[in-house]
Amino acid sequence: MKHTDQALVKACLKHKKQAQEELYRRFSYMVKGVCLRYSRDVAEADDFLQDAFIKTFEKLNQYKGTGALGGWVRRIAVTTALESLRKQKIKVTELSIHIEQLIPDEEADVLFQKIDLDVLVSKIQRLPLGYRTVFNLYAIEGYTHQEIADDLSITVGTSKSQYSRARKLLIQMLESEELRTQKILNYVE
């Protein structure tokens, strides 16, 4: 039986095992996707996932029901991943800011739309930590550069620089893979 968000939360707060399992099943795929984007690999993502659900169940009494439960759980997953990265004493480093020639947004958007989601996530995981973190917060989670700067204790300029460099590096990785694939196809023919 599938519960509404409110009913599911109430049942979980009463420590009903079936409700807790339902909450996990309902949101684990989404949370795993969030965790994969912030992690270096699947093992680290699994650690983030476990921590995120522990915090979700611990804080469930704080869910007010004013928004979607999934959005609330997602926010906990993002916060948990960021906290885990901070515990590792990994910080986004300040970089000198200069304007670089970037591929126009329209071309990049077309390239990103052609790519399989799993391939894109694997490329995001290969980004340096600072780039990966800022890219996820800005491009995926929808944070502003000011919010990112506040959360990561960096400047807005550093957030913008990290994002544009992450985007450029992702595009280079994707174009390189596309070129490799084309060479393989040409060789096979």
Protein backbone atom coordinates (compact mmCIF):
# COMPACT_ATOMS: atom_id res chain seq x y z
CA MET A 1 0.00 0.00 0.00
CA LYS A 2 1.44 3.35 -1.03
CA HIS A 3 1.03 6.15 1.51
CA THR A 4 0.69 9.87 0.92
CA ASP A 5 3.74 11.86 2.03
CA GLN A 6 2.04 12.91 5.29
CA ALA A 7 0.79 9.40 6.09
CA LEU A 8 4.18 7.91 5.27
CA VAL A 9 5.96 10.33 7.61
CA LYS A 10 3.48 9.64 10.42
CA ALA A 11 3.91 5.88 10.03
CA CYS A 12 7.70 6.22 9.97
CA LEU A 13 7.61 8.32 13.12
CA LYS A 14 5.68 5.49 14.77
CA HIS A 15 8.65 3.24 13.78
CA LYS A 16 6.57 1.10 11.44
CA LYS A 17 9.07 -1.00 9.50
CA GLN A 18 6.96 -1.24 6.32
CA ALA A 19 6.63 2.54 6.15
CA GLN A 20 10.35 2.99 6.66
CA GLU A 21 11.03 0.51 3.86
CA GLU A 22 8.55 2.33 1.63
CA LEU A 23 10.24 5.67 2.27
CA TYR A 24 13.61 4.14 1.43
CA ARG A 25 12.32 2.43 -1.73
CA ARG A 26 10.47 5.55 -2.87
CA PHE A 27 13.48 7.85 -2.62
CA SER A 28 16.63 5.70 -2.69
CA TYR A 29 17.08 5.88 -6.47
CA MET A 30 16.86 9.68 -6.46
CA VAL A 31 19.16 9.98 -3.42
CA LYS A 32 21.66 7.57 -4.98
CA GLY A 33 21.77 9.79 -8.07
CA VAL A 34 22.49 12.83 -5.90
CA CYS A 35 25.18 10.94 -4.00
CA LEU A 36 26.82 9.65 -7.19
CA ARG A 37 27.21 13.17 -8.51
CA TYR A 38 29.04 14.35 -5.39
CA SER A 39 31.18 11.26 -4.88
CA ARG A 40 34.40 9.99 -6.45
CA ASP A 41 32.99 6.51 -6.94
CA VAL A 42 30.14 4.13 -6.18
CA ALA A 43 31.53 3.07 -2.79
CA GLU A 44 31.68 6.67 -1.59
CA ALA A 45 28.19 7.28 -3.01
CA ASP A 46 26.90 4.31 -1.02
CA ASP A 47 28.40 5.82 2.15
CA PHE A 48 26.71 9.16 1.38
CA LEU A 49 23.44 7.32 0.68
CA GLN A 50 23.52 5.49 3.99
CA ASP A 51 24.34 8.68 5.91
CA ALA A 52 21.62 10.59 4.07
CA PHE A 53 18.93 8.07 5.06
CA ILE A 54 20.14 7.91 8.64
CA LYS A 55 19.77 11.71 8.81
CA THR A 56 16.43 11.56 7.01
CA PHE A 57 15.01 9.20 9.62
CA GLU A 58 16.58 11.16 12.48
CA LYS A 59 15.10 14.46 11.24
CA LEU A 60 11.77 13.15 9.99
CA ASN A 61 9.97 14.86 12.86
CA GLN A 62 11.16 18.19 11.38
CA TYR A 63 9.34 17.63 8.06
CA LYS A 64 6.48 20.16 8.08
CA GLY A 65 4.63 18.89 5.03
CA THR A 66 4.74 22.28 3.30
CA GLY A 67 6.67 20.94 0.31
CA ALA A 68 7.17 17.62 -1.38
CA LEU A 69 8.76 14.98 0.79
CA GLY A 70 11.08 14.05 -2.08
CA GLY A 71 12.47 17.58 -2.24
CA TRP A 72 13.03 17.57 1.50
CA VAL A 73 14.85 14.21 1.33
CA ARG A 74 16.92 15.46 -1.63
CA ARG A 75 18.02 18.51 0.33
CA ILE A 76 19.16 16.27 3.18
CA ALA A 77 21.14 14.15 0.69
CA VAL A 78 22.90 17.22 -0.75
CA THR A 79 23.66 18.59 2.72
CA THR A 80 24.93 15.19 3.86
CA ALA A 81 27.25 14.85 0.86
CA LEU A 82 28.64 18.35 1.44
CA GLU A 83 29.14 17.64 5.16
CA SER A 84 30.97 14.41 4.33
CA LEU A 85 33.25 16.26 1.96
CA ARG A 86 33.94 18.89 4.64
CA LYS A 87 34.76 16.16 7.17
CA GLN A 88 37.38 14.89 4.76
CA LYS A 89 38.84 18.39 5.11
CA ILE A 90 38.50 18.89 1.38
CA LYS A 91 37.86 22.47 0.46
CA VAL A 92 37.16 24.16 -2.80
CA THR A 93 40.34 26.05 -3.45
CA GLU A 94 40.42 29.69 -4.38
CA LEU A 95 41.59 30.04 -7.96
CA SER A 96 42.69 33.10 -9.81
CA ILE A 97 39.75 34.29 -11.81
CA HIS A 98 40.10 35.10 -15.47
CA ILE A 99 37.67 34.90 -18.35
CA GLU A 100 38.28 31.92 -20.60
CA GLN A 101 37.00 31.25 -24.08
CA LEU A 102 34.14 28.85 -23.49
CA ILE A 103 32.03 26.90 -25.90
CA PRO A 104 28.78 28.85 -26.39
CA ASP A 105 25.97 27.74 -24.08
CA GLU A 106 23.74 26.59 -26.94
CA GLU A 107 26.40 24.20 -28.30
CA ALA A 108 27.13 22.83 -24.83
CA ASP A 109 23.43 22.28 -24.13
CA VAL A 110 23.04 20.30 -27.37
CA LEU A 111 26.08 18.19 -26.45
CA PHE A 112 24.79 17.53 -22.91
CA GLN A 113 21.35 16.52 -24.26
CA LYS A 114 22.87 13.87 -26.56
CA ILE A 115 24.75 12.13 -23.76
CA ASP A 116 23.44 9.14 -21.83
CA LEU A 117 22.82 10.02 -18.18
CA ASP A 118 25.14 7.29 -16.87
CA VAL A 119 27.96 8.56 -19.10
CA LEU A 120 27.39 12.12 -17.93
CA VAL A 121 27.41 11.08 -14.24
CA SER A 122 30.66 9.15 -14.76
CA LYS A 123 32.22 12.25 -16.33
CA ILE A 124 30.97 14.46 -13.48
CA GLN A 125 32.58 12.02 -11.02
CA ARG A 126 35.91 12.50 -12.80
CA LEU A 127 35.86 16.27 -12.28
CA PRO A 128 38.16 17.63 -9.57
CA LEU A 129 36.27 17.89 -6.28
CA GLY A 130 35.80 21.66 -6.30
CA TYR A 131 34.57 21.70 -9.88
CA ARG A 132 32.28 18.70 -9.25
CA THR A 133 30.77 20.22 -6.13
CA VAL A 134 30.06 23.63 -7.64
CA PHE A 135 28.80 22.11 -10.92
CA ASN A 136 26.33 19.89 -9.06
CA LEU A 137 25.10 22.66 -6.79
CA TYR A 138 24.63 25.16 -9.62
CA ALA A 139 23.67 23.09 -12.68
CA ILE A 140 21.80 20.23 -11.04
CA GLU A 141 20.51 21.48 -7.69
CA GLY A 142 19.73 25.02 -8.86
CA TYR A 143 21.65 26.91 -6.17
CA THR A 144 22.75 30.46 -6.92
CA HIS A 145 26.44 31.33 -6.90
CA GLN A 146 25.82 33.34 -3.73
CA GLU A 147 24.27 30.31 -2.00
CA ILE A 148 27.17 28.13 -3.13
CA ALA A 149 29.68 30.69 -1.89
CA ASP A 150 27.95 30.82 1.49
CA ASP A 151 27.70 27.01 1.81
CA LEU A 152 31.30 26.35 0.79
CA SER A 153 32.90 29.43 2.37
CA ILE A 154 34.27 30.69 -0.93
CA THR A 155 33.72 33.86 -2.94
CA VAL A 156 30.99 34.24 -5.55
CA GLY A 157 33.74 34.75 -8.12
CA THR A 158 35.35 31.45 -7.19
CA SER A 159 31.99 29.70 -7.51
CA LYS A 160 31.48 31.16 -10.98
CA SER A 161 35.03 30.30 -12.02
CA GLN A 162 34.78 26.72 -10.71
CA TYR A 163 31.46 26.26 -12.52
CA SER A 164 32.71 27.55 -15.86
CA ARG A 165 35.88 25.46 -15.63
CA ALA A 166 33.88 22.37 -14.68
CA ARG A 167 31.59 22.91 -17.63
CA LYS A 168 34.52 23.41 -20.00
CA LEU A 169 36.26 20.28 -18.71
CA LEU A 170 33.05 18.24 -19.02
CA ILE A 171 32.60 19.39 -22.59
CA GLN A 172 36.21 18.46 -23.38
CA MET A 173 35.71 14.99 -21.85
CA LEU A 174 32.48 14.44 -23.78
CA GLU A 175 33.92 15.67 -27.08
CA SER A 176 37.00 13.51 -26.60
CA GLU A 177 34.82 10.46 -26.03
CA GLU A 178 32.69 11.31 -29.05
CA LEU A 179 35.87 11.60 -31.17
CA ARG A 180 37.17 8.24 -29.85
CA THR A 181 33.86 6.59 -30.64
CA GLN A 182 33.91 8.04 -34.16
CA LYS A 183 37.47 6.72 -34.75
CA ILE A 184 36.43 3.25 -33.57
CA LEU A 185 33.39 3.28 -35.86
CA ASN A 186 35.53 4.41 -38.81
CA TYR A 187 38.06 1.65 -38.08
CA VAL A 188 35.34 -1.04 -37.89
CA GLU A 189 33.81 0.04 -41.20
